[in-house]
């Protein structure tokens, strides 16, 4: 029987959870009335067994049975690794401690 599960390709935007990543899938859609091309983004929580996928990686996710309240997708393949691991934004910018005093 043919595999009818949905598949999306997206970028990992968060890997802070254990065995779970947040994948942002971007698609271009034409506005029905005005015809302008709109960039739509959707976020999916996907199961990441072994924590292989990291922040910034391009991954393919596949639909699965419900694994938790919000998790219904599984990372099927890592298509492209991130060039450099994305760093979290610092709480204070350099030189900001002088302004705070």
Foldseek 3Di string as FASTA:
>chain_A
DDDPWDKAKFFFADDPDPQKTKTKGWDWDADPPPRDIDIDIDIAIAGRPPSPAAHGWIFMKIAAPDPDDGYGIYTDGGPGHHPDHDDDDDPDDPPVVVVVD
